[in-house]
N, C-alpha and C. Protein backbone atom coordinates (compact mmCIF):
# COMPACT_ATOMS: atom_id res chain seq x y z
N MET A 1 -5.94 -10.54 30.09
CA MET A 1 -6.44 -9.17 30.04
C MET A 1 -6.89 -8.88 28.61
N GLY A 2 -8.14 -8.57 28.42
CA GLY A 2 -8.66 -8.28 27.09
C GLY A 2 -8.71 -6.79 26.81
N VAL A 3 -8.70 -6.47 25.54
CA VAL A 3 -8.83 -5.08 25.10
C VAL A 3 -10.10 -5.00 24.28
N LYS A 4 -11.03 -4.15 24.69
CA LYS A 4 -12.31 -4.03 23.98
C LYS A 4 -12.16 -3.11 22.78
N MET A 5 -12.65 -3.55 21.63
CA MET A 5 -12.59 -2.74 20.41
C MET A 5 -13.61 -1.62 20.46
N LYS A 6 -13.16 -0.42 20.24
CA LYS A 6 -14.05 0.73 20.17
C LYS A 6 -14.37 1.02 18.71
N ARG A 7 -15.59 1.48 18.45
CA ARG A 7 -16.01 1.75 17.08
C ARG A 7 -15.17 2.82 16.41
N ASN A 8 -14.55 3.71 17.18
CA ASN A 8 -13.77 4.78 16.57
C ASN A 8 -12.30 4.40 16.39
N TYR A 9 -11.95 3.15 16.70
CA TYR A 9 -10.58 2.70 16.44
C TYR A 9 -10.30 2.74 14.94
N LYS A 10 -9.10 3.10 14.60
CA LYS A 10 -8.65 3.03 13.21
C LYS A 10 -7.71 1.82 13.12
N ILE A 11 -7.92 1.01 12.10
CA ILE A 11 -7.20 -0.24 11.95
C ILE A 11 -6.27 -0.16 10.74
N CYS A 12 -5.06 -0.67 10.90
CA CYS A 12 -4.13 -0.79 9.77
C CYS A 12 -3.88 -2.27 9.51
N VAL A 13 -4.01 -2.67 8.26
CA VAL A 13 -3.65 -4.03 7.86
C VAL A 13 -2.38 -3.90 7.03
N VAL A 14 -1.32 -4.55 7.50
CA VAL A 14 -0.01 -4.51 6.86
C VAL A 14 0.16 -5.79 6.04
N GLY A 15 0.25 -5.62 4.72
CA GLY A 15 0.33 -6.76 3.82
C GLY A 15 -1.03 -7.03 3.23
N LEU A 16 -1.20 -6.76 1.94
CA LEU A 16 -2.52 -6.84 1.31
C LEU A 16 -2.61 -7.99 0.31
N GLY A 17 -2.17 -9.15 0.75
CA GLY A 17 -2.26 -10.34 -0.08
C GLY A 17 -3.55 -11.09 0.15
N TYR A 18 -3.52 -12.40 0.01
CA TYR A 18 -4.75 -13.20 0.08
C TYR A 18 -5.35 -13.25 1.49
N VAL A 19 -4.57 -12.91 2.52
CA VAL A 19 -5.10 -12.81 3.88
C VAL A 19 -5.44 -11.37 4.22
N GLY A 20 -4.52 -10.45 3.94
CA GLY A 20 -4.67 -9.05 4.35
C GLY A 20 -5.79 -8.29 3.67
N LEU A 21 -5.93 -8.44 2.36
CA LEU A 21 -6.97 -7.68 1.66
C LEU A 21 -8.37 -8.06 2.13
N PRO A 22 -8.72 -9.34 2.21
CA PRO A 22 -10.05 -9.68 2.72
C PRO A 22 -10.28 -9.16 4.15
N LEU A 23 -9.25 -9.22 4.96
CA LEU A 23 -9.36 -8.73 6.33
C LEU A 23 -9.63 -7.22 6.32
N ALA A 24 -8.86 -6.47 5.54
CA ALA A 24 -9.04 -5.02 5.45
C ALA A 24 -10.44 -4.68 4.92
N MET A 25 -10.87 -5.37 3.90
CA MET A 25 -12.19 -5.09 3.31
C MET A 25 -13.31 -5.38 4.30
N ASN A 26 -13.19 -6.45 5.05
CA ASN A 26 -14.22 -6.78 6.03
C ASN A 26 -14.23 -5.79 7.19
N PHE A 27 -13.07 -5.40 7.69
CA PHE A 27 -13.02 -4.39 8.75
C PHE A 27 -13.58 -3.06 8.26
N ALA A 28 -13.36 -2.73 7.00
CA ALA A 28 -13.82 -1.44 6.45
C ALA A 28 -15.34 -1.34 6.40
N ARG A 29 -16.03 -2.43 6.60
CA ARG A 29 -17.49 -2.37 6.68
C ARG A 29 -17.94 -1.72 7.98
N HIS A 30 -17.03 -1.66 8.99
CA HIS A 30 -17.40 -1.15 10.31
C HIS A 30 -16.43 -0.14 10.91
N PHE A 31 -15.20 -0.09 10.38
CA PHE A 31 -14.16 0.76 10.95
C PHE A 31 -13.44 1.52 9.83
N LYS A 32 -12.72 2.57 10.20
CA LYS A 32 -11.79 3.23 9.28
C LYS A 32 -10.55 2.35 9.19
N VAL A 33 -10.08 2.12 7.96
CA VAL A 33 -8.97 1.18 7.73
C VAL A 33 -7.92 1.81 6.84
N ILE A 34 -6.67 1.57 7.21
CA ILE A 34 -5.53 1.87 6.34
C ILE A 34 -5.02 0.52 5.85
N GLY A 35 -4.96 0.33 4.55
CA GLY A 35 -4.38 -0.87 3.96
C GLY A 35 -2.99 -0.52 3.50
N PHE A 36 -1.97 -1.06 4.16
CA PHE A 36 -0.57 -0.73 3.86
C PHE A 36 0.12 -1.91 3.20
N ASP A 37 0.88 -1.61 2.15
CA ASP A 37 1.71 -2.62 1.50
C ASP A 37 2.92 -1.91 0.92
N ILE A 38 4.05 -2.60 0.83
CA ILE A 38 5.26 -1.99 0.27
C ILE A 38 5.28 -2.09 -1.25
N ASN A 39 4.34 -2.85 -1.83
CA ASN A 39 4.28 -3.04 -3.27
C ASN A 39 3.46 -1.90 -3.89
N GLU A 40 4.15 -0.94 -4.50
CA GLU A 40 3.50 0.24 -5.06
C GLU A 40 2.50 -0.13 -6.16
N GLU A 41 2.84 -1.11 -6.98
CA GLU A 41 1.94 -1.55 -8.05
C GLU A 41 0.64 -2.10 -7.47
N ARG A 42 0.76 -2.89 -6.41
CA ARG A 42 -0.43 -3.45 -5.75
C ARG A 42 -1.33 -2.33 -5.20
N ILE A 43 -0.71 -1.34 -4.58
CA ILE A 43 -1.48 -0.21 -4.02
C ILE A 43 -2.19 0.55 -5.14
N LYS A 44 -1.51 0.80 -6.25
CA LYS A 44 -2.15 1.51 -7.37
C LYS A 44 -3.34 0.73 -7.90
N GLU A 45 -3.20 -0.59 -8.00
CA GLU A 45 -4.31 -1.43 -8.45
C GLU A 45 -5.50 -1.31 -7.50
N LEU A 46 -5.23 -1.40 -6.21
CA LEU A 46 -6.31 -1.34 -5.22
C LEU A 46 -6.96 0.03 -5.18
N GLU A 47 -6.17 1.08 -5.35
CA GLU A 47 -6.74 2.43 -5.41
C GLU A 47 -7.67 2.58 -6.61
N ASN A 48 -7.42 1.79 -7.65
CA ASN A 48 -8.28 1.79 -8.83
C ASN A 48 -9.32 0.67 -8.79
N TRP A 49 -9.51 0.11 -7.60
CA TRP A 49 -10.52 -0.90 -7.35
C TRP A 49 -10.32 -2.16 -8.19
N TYR A 50 -9.06 -2.54 -8.36
CA TYR A 50 -8.75 -3.77 -9.09
C TYR A 50 -8.01 -4.71 -8.14
N ASP A 51 -8.53 -5.92 -8.00
CA ASP A 51 -7.91 -6.96 -7.18
C ASP A 51 -7.41 -8.06 -8.10
N ARG A 52 -6.11 -8.16 -8.24
CA ARG A 52 -5.52 -9.16 -9.14
C ARG A 52 -5.82 -10.60 -8.72
N ASN A 53 -6.21 -10.80 -7.46
CA ASN A 53 -6.58 -12.13 -6.98
C ASN A 53 -8.04 -12.47 -7.29
N ASN A 54 -8.74 -11.51 -7.87
CA ASN A 54 -10.15 -11.69 -8.28
C ASN A 54 -11.07 -12.09 -7.14
N GLU A 55 -10.72 -11.70 -5.92
CA GLU A 55 -11.60 -11.99 -4.80
C GLU A 55 -12.65 -10.88 -4.63
N PHE A 56 -12.28 -9.66 -5.06
CA PHE A 56 -13.18 -8.52 -4.92
C PHE A 56 -13.40 -7.85 -6.26
N LYS A 57 -14.64 -7.40 -6.45
CA LYS A 57 -15.02 -6.68 -7.66
C LYS A 57 -15.12 -5.20 -7.32
N LYS A 58 -15.26 -4.37 -8.36
CA LYS A 58 -15.40 -2.92 -8.15
C LYS A 58 -16.54 -2.60 -7.19
N GLU A 59 -17.64 -3.33 -7.29
CA GLU A 59 -18.78 -3.08 -6.42
C GLU A 59 -18.42 -3.28 -4.95
N ASP A 60 -17.54 -4.24 -4.67
CA ASP A 60 -17.12 -4.49 -3.29
C ASP A 60 -16.33 -3.29 -2.75
N PHE A 61 -15.45 -2.75 -3.57
CA PHE A 61 -14.68 -1.57 -3.17
C PHE A 61 -15.59 -0.36 -2.98
N GLU A 62 -16.58 -0.25 -3.84
CA GLU A 62 -17.54 0.86 -3.77
C GLU A 62 -18.24 0.89 -2.41
N LYS A 63 -18.57 -0.28 -1.87
CA LYS A 63 -19.29 -0.36 -0.59
C LYS A 63 -18.48 0.17 0.59
N VAL A 64 -17.15 0.09 0.50
CA VAL A 64 -16.30 0.48 1.64
C VAL A 64 -15.39 1.68 1.33
N LYS A 65 -15.60 2.31 0.20
CA LYS A 65 -14.67 3.35 -0.27
C LYS A 65 -14.46 4.49 0.72
N ASN A 66 -15.45 4.80 1.54
CA ASN A 66 -15.31 5.89 2.51
C ASN A 66 -14.57 5.48 3.78
N ASN A 67 -14.34 4.19 3.94
CA ASN A 67 -13.70 3.69 5.15
C ASN A 67 -12.32 3.10 4.94
N ILE A 68 -11.84 3.02 3.71
CA ILE A 68 -10.55 2.37 3.48
C ILE A 68 -9.63 3.26 2.64
N ASN A 69 -8.38 3.27 3.03
CA ASN A 69 -7.36 4.04 2.32
C ASN A 69 -6.16 3.12 2.10
N PHE A 70 -5.80 2.91 0.85
CA PHE A 70 -4.64 2.07 0.51
C PHE A 70 -3.42 2.96 0.36
N THR A 71 -2.27 2.51 0.91
CA THR A 71 -1.09 3.36 0.89
C THR A 71 0.22 2.58 0.98
N ILE A 72 1.28 3.19 0.46
CA ILE A 72 2.65 2.69 0.69
C ILE A 72 3.37 3.58 1.69
N ASP A 73 2.69 4.60 2.19
CA ASP A 73 3.28 5.55 3.13
C ASP A 73 3.21 4.97 4.55
N GLU A 74 4.34 4.48 5.04
CA GLU A 74 4.35 3.82 6.34
C GLU A 74 3.97 4.76 7.48
N ARG A 75 4.10 6.05 7.30
CA ARG A 75 3.75 7.01 8.36
C ARG A 75 2.26 6.99 8.68
N LYS A 76 1.45 6.49 7.75
CA LYS A 76 0.00 6.39 7.98
C LYS A 76 -0.32 5.39 9.11
N ILE A 77 0.61 4.47 9.37
CA ILE A 77 0.42 3.50 10.45
C ILE A 77 0.26 4.22 11.79
N ARG A 78 0.91 5.37 11.94
CA ARG A 78 0.86 6.15 13.19
C ARG A 78 -0.55 6.58 13.56
N GLU A 79 -1.43 6.63 12.59
CA GLU A 79 -2.82 7.05 12.83
C GLU A 79 -3.65 5.94 13.46
N CYS A 80 -3.12 4.74 13.47
CA CYS A 80 -3.95 3.58 13.79
C CYS A 80 -3.80 3.09 15.23
N ASP A 81 -4.91 2.60 15.75
CA ASP A 81 -4.98 2.06 17.11
C ASP A 81 -4.71 0.56 17.12
N VAL A 82 -5.04 -0.10 16.02
CA VAL A 82 -4.84 -1.54 15.88
C VAL A 82 -4.09 -1.77 14.58
N ILE A 83 -3.02 -2.56 14.65
CA ILE A 83 -2.21 -2.87 13.47
C ILE A 83 -2.16 -4.39 13.35
N ILE A 84 -2.60 -4.90 12.21
CA ILE A 84 -2.63 -6.34 11.99
C ILE A 84 -1.64 -6.66 10.88
N ILE A 85 -0.65 -7.48 11.20
CA ILE A 85 0.41 -7.83 10.26
C ILE A 85 0.06 -9.17 9.61
N THR A 86 -0.08 -9.14 8.27
CA THR A 86 -0.52 -10.33 7.53
C THR A 86 0.44 -10.66 6.39
N VAL A 87 1.73 -10.60 6.69
CA VAL A 87 2.72 -10.86 5.64
C VAL A 87 2.99 -12.36 5.53
N PRO A 88 3.49 -12.80 4.37
CA PRO A 88 3.74 -14.23 4.18
C PRO A 88 4.94 -14.72 4.99
N THR A 89 4.91 -16.00 5.33
CA THR A 89 6.06 -16.65 5.96
C THR A 89 6.35 -17.94 5.18
N PRO A 90 7.06 -17.78 4.06
CA PRO A 90 7.38 -18.97 3.26
C PRO A 90 8.36 -19.89 4.00
N ILE A 91 8.58 -21.03 3.43
CA ILE A 91 9.51 -22.01 4.00
C ILE A 91 10.79 -21.99 3.17
N THR A 92 11.93 -22.06 3.85
CA THR A 92 13.21 -22.11 3.16
C THR A 92 13.44 -23.50 2.58
N ASN A 93 14.50 -23.66 1.81
CA ASN A 93 14.82 -24.97 1.21
C ASN A 93 15.04 -26.05 2.27
N ASP A 94 15.52 -25.64 3.46
CA ASP A 94 15.74 -26.62 4.52
C ASP A 94 14.53 -26.72 5.48
N LYS A 95 13.36 -26.30 4.97
CA LYS A 95 12.06 -26.48 5.65
C LYS A 95 11.93 -25.66 6.94
N LYS A 96 12.59 -24.53 7.01
CA LYS A 96 12.46 -23.62 8.16
C LYS A 96 11.70 -22.38 7.71
N PRO A 97 10.99 -21.72 8.64
CA PRO A 97 10.25 -20.51 8.24
C PRO A 97 11.21 -19.39 7.84
N ASP A 98 10.89 -18.74 6.74
CA ASP A 98 11.64 -17.58 6.26
C ASP A 98 11.02 -16.35 6.89
N LEU A 99 11.71 -15.75 7.83
CA LEU A 99 11.15 -14.66 8.63
C LEU A 99 11.47 -13.27 8.10
N ARG A 100 12.01 -13.19 6.88
CA ARG A 100 12.38 -11.87 6.33
C ARG A 100 11.21 -10.91 6.27
N PHE A 101 10.05 -11.38 5.85
CA PHE A 101 8.88 -10.51 5.71
C PHE A 101 8.37 -10.07 7.09
N LEU A 102 8.38 -10.99 8.05
CA LEU A 102 7.98 -10.63 9.41
C LEU A 102 8.94 -9.61 10.01
N GLU A 103 10.22 -9.80 9.76
CA GLU A 103 11.21 -8.85 10.27
C GLU A 103 11.00 -7.46 9.67
N SER A 104 10.84 -7.41 8.37
CA SER A 104 10.64 -6.14 7.69
C SER A 104 9.37 -5.44 8.17
N ALA A 105 8.28 -6.18 8.25
CA ALA A 105 7.01 -5.60 8.71
C ALA A 105 7.12 -5.13 10.15
N SER A 106 7.80 -5.90 10.99
CA SER A 106 7.97 -5.51 12.39
C SER A 106 8.80 -4.23 12.50
N ARG A 107 9.80 -4.09 11.67
CA ARG A 107 10.61 -2.86 11.68
C ARG A 107 9.77 -1.65 11.25
N ILE A 108 9.01 -1.82 10.18
CA ILE A 108 8.16 -0.73 9.68
C ILE A 108 7.13 -0.33 10.74
N VAL A 109 6.46 -1.32 11.32
CA VAL A 109 5.44 -1.03 12.33
C VAL A 109 6.10 -0.41 13.57
N GLY A 110 7.23 -0.98 14.00
CA GLY A 110 7.93 -0.45 15.16
C GLY A 110 8.30 1.02 15.01
N ARG A 111 8.72 1.40 13.82
CA ARG A 111 9.08 2.81 13.57
C ARG A 111 7.87 3.73 13.63
N ASN A 112 6.69 3.16 13.49
CA ASN A 112 5.49 3.99 13.32
C ASN A 112 4.38 3.72 14.32
N ILE A 113 4.63 2.91 15.30
CA ILE A 113 3.59 2.57 16.27
C ILE A 113 3.40 3.70 17.27
N LYS A 114 2.15 3.91 17.67
CA LYS A 114 1.90 4.93 18.70
C LYS A 114 1.65 4.23 20.04
N ARG A 115 1.91 4.96 21.10
CA ARG A 115 1.70 4.46 22.45
C ARG A 115 0.25 3.99 22.60
N GLY A 116 0.09 2.80 23.19
CA GLY A 116 -1.25 2.25 23.43
C GLY A 116 -1.81 1.42 22.30
N ALA A 117 -1.12 1.39 21.17
CA ALA A 117 -1.61 0.62 20.01
C ALA A 117 -1.55 -0.88 20.28
N ILE A 118 -2.34 -1.60 19.53
CA ILE A 118 -2.39 -3.06 19.59
C ILE A 118 -1.82 -3.59 18.28
N VAL A 119 -0.82 -4.47 18.36
CA VAL A 119 -0.24 -5.09 17.17
C VAL A 119 -0.59 -6.58 17.22
N VAL A 120 -1.22 -7.05 16.16
CA VAL A 120 -1.60 -8.46 16.07
C VAL A 120 -0.92 -9.07 14.86
N TYR A 121 -0.25 -10.19 15.08
CA TYR A 121 0.39 -10.93 13.99
C TYR A 121 -0.56 -12.02 13.52
N GLU A 122 -0.83 -12.02 12.22
CA GLU A 122 -1.69 -13.03 11.62
C GLU A 122 -0.93 -13.73 10.50
N SER A 123 0.35 -13.93 10.73
CA SER A 123 1.20 -14.64 9.78
C SER A 123 1.49 -16.02 10.36
N THR A 124 1.41 -17.03 9.54
CA THR A 124 1.64 -18.39 10.01
C THR A 124 3.11 -18.57 10.37
N THR A 125 3.36 -18.99 11.61
CA THR A 125 4.73 -19.22 12.05
C THR A 125 4.73 -20.15 13.27
N TYR A 126 5.88 -20.35 13.85
CA TYR A 126 6.03 -21.30 14.94
C TYR A 126 5.65 -20.67 16.29
N PRO A 127 5.25 -21.50 17.27
CA PRO A 127 4.92 -20.99 18.61
C PRO A 127 6.12 -20.26 19.21
N GLY A 128 5.86 -19.11 19.78
CA GLY A 128 6.91 -18.32 20.41
C GLY A 128 7.53 -17.26 19.51
N CYS A 129 7.27 -17.33 18.23
CA CYS A 129 7.88 -16.39 17.28
C CYS A 129 7.48 -14.94 17.59
N THR A 130 6.23 -14.73 17.94
CA THR A 130 5.75 -13.37 18.23
C THR A 130 6.54 -12.77 19.39
N GLU A 131 6.67 -13.51 20.48
CA GLU A 131 7.35 -13.01 21.67
C GLU A 131 8.88 -12.99 21.50
N GLU A 132 9.43 -14.02 20.89
CA GLU A 132 10.89 -14.17 20.84
C GLU A 132 11.54 -13.45 19.66
N PHE A 133 10.83 -13.31 18.56
CA PHE A 133 11.42 -12.72 17.35
C PHE A 133 10.84 -11.34 17.05
N CYS A 134 9.53 -11.23 17.00
CA CYS A 134 8.88 -9.98 16.58
C CYS A 134 8.89 -8.90 17.66
N LEU A 135 8.57 -9.27 18.89
CA LEU A 135 8.49 -8.29 19.97
C LEU A 135 9.80 -7.51 20.17
N PRO A 136 10.96 -8.16 20.21
CA PRO A 136 12.19 -7.38 20.38
C PRO A 136 12.42 -6.36 19.26
N ILE A 137 12.00 -6.68 18.05
CA ILE A 137 12.13 -5.74 16.93
C ILE A 137 11.20 -4.55 17.15
N LEU A 138 9.95 -4.81 17.53
CA LEU A 138 9.01 -3.73 17.80
C LEU A 138 9.54 -2.81 18.90
N GLU A 139 10.05 -3.41 19.98
CA GLU A 139 10.56 -2.61 21.10
C GLU A 139 11.77 -1.77 20.68
N LYS A 140 12.68 -2.37 19.95
CA LYS A 140 13.89 -1.64 19.52
C LYS A 140 13.53 -0.48 18.60
N GLU A 141 12.69 -0.75 17.60
CA GLU A 141 12.35 0.28 16.62
C GLU A 141 11.49 1.40 17.21
N SER A 142 10.63 1.06 18.15
CA SER A 142 9.71 2.06 18.71
C SER A 142 10.30 2.82 19.89
N GLY A 143 11.28 2.21 20.55
CA GLY A 143 11.81 2.81 21.77
C GLY A 143 10.87 2.61 22.95
N MET A 144 9.85 1.77 22.78
CA MET A 144 8.89 1.47 23.85
C MET A 144 9.04 0.02 24.28
N LYS A 145 8.48 -0.27 25.43
CA LYS A 145 8.44 -1.63 25.95
C LYS A 145 7.01 -2.14 25.91
N LEU A 146 6.88 -3.47 25.88
CA LEU A 146 5.56 -4.10 25.95
C LEU A 146 4.85 -3.57 27.18
N GLY A 147 3.61 -3.19 27.02
CA GLY A 147 2.84 -2.53 28.08
C GLY A 147 2.55 -1.10 27.65
N GLU A 148 3.53 -0.50 26.95
CA GLU A 148 3.29 0.81 26.35
C GLU A 148 2.54 0.62 25.03
N PHE A 149 2.60 -0.56 24.50
CA PHE A 149 1.79 -1.02 23.37
C PHE A 149 1.45 -2.47 23.69
N HIS A 150 0.51 -3.04 22.95
CA HIS A 150 0.05 -4.40 23.21
C HIS A 150 0.36 -5.26 21.98
N ILE A 151 0.48 -6.55 22.21
CA ILE A 151 0.83 -7.46 21.11
C ILE A 151 -0.01 -8.73 21.23
N GLY A 152 -0.34 -9.30 20.08
CA GLY A 152 -1.10 -10.54 20.08
C GLY A 152 -0.79 -11.34 18.83
N TYR A 153 -1.32 -12.54 18.80
CA TYR A 153 -1.10 -13.45 17.68
C TYR A 153 -2.42 -14.14 17.35
N SER A 154 -2.78 -14.10 16.09
CA SER A 154 -3.99 -14.77 15.62
C SER A 154 -3.62 -15.62 14.43
N PRO A 155 -3.35 -16.90 14.64
CA PRO A 155 -2.92 -17.74 13.51
C PRO A 155 -4.01 -17.88 12.47
N GLU A 156 -3.58 -17.91 11.24
CA GLU A 156 -4.53 -18.08 10.13
C GLU A 156 -5.10 -19.48 10.19
N ARG A 157 -6.42 -19.58 10.30
CA ARG A 157 -7.09 -20.87 10.38
C ARG A 157 -8.10 -21.07 9.27
N ILE A 158 -8.74 -19.97 8.86
CA ILE A 158 -9.76 -20.05 7.82
C ILE A 158 -9.54 -18.91 6.83
N ASN A 159 -10.24 -18.92 5.75
CA ASN A 159 -10.19 -17.83 4.78
C ASN A 159 -10.86 -16.61 5.41
N PRO A 160 -10.10 -15.54 5.71
CA PRO A 160 -10.68 -14.37 6.38
C PRO A 160 -11.78 -13.69 5.58
N GLY A 161 -11.81 -13.89 4.28
CA GLY A 161 -12.83 -13.25 3.46
C GLY A 161 -14.09 -14.10 3.30
N GLY A 162 -14.04 -15.32 3.78
CA GLY A 162 -15.13 -16.26 3.55
C GLY A 162 -16.28 -16.15 4.47
């Protein structure tokens, strides 16, 4: 069952690192976007059109300035129809995925998801993680069940900004 993207959808990108920021900037060319991150310093830099990863220049921010809003206010997620989670999944010393960031992002999104929203995970992890680990957190935090919101997984395969 597919969900067709409407031009008036508002998109939230959670995690504005090397995957999230390019994704948010590209979506902002066509949609209203909320760029959410828990790192206040990162948000201040982006609000001032500075990208410490040097992937985007001030001119790039200028092109999308009317369509993108950077924030640490998790309540802004409630405005969005599509939420894309792009947080890191490092490996522990014993070579297992460290799911702390996915857990935290899932809790934040779950607390702020609206009925009918689409949540897409774009964090590299193992098969089944979305359904077995992330979904129960979303359901618990939101008080909703799958079907009242939608969930998907899009593994990182290429540079989203490229």
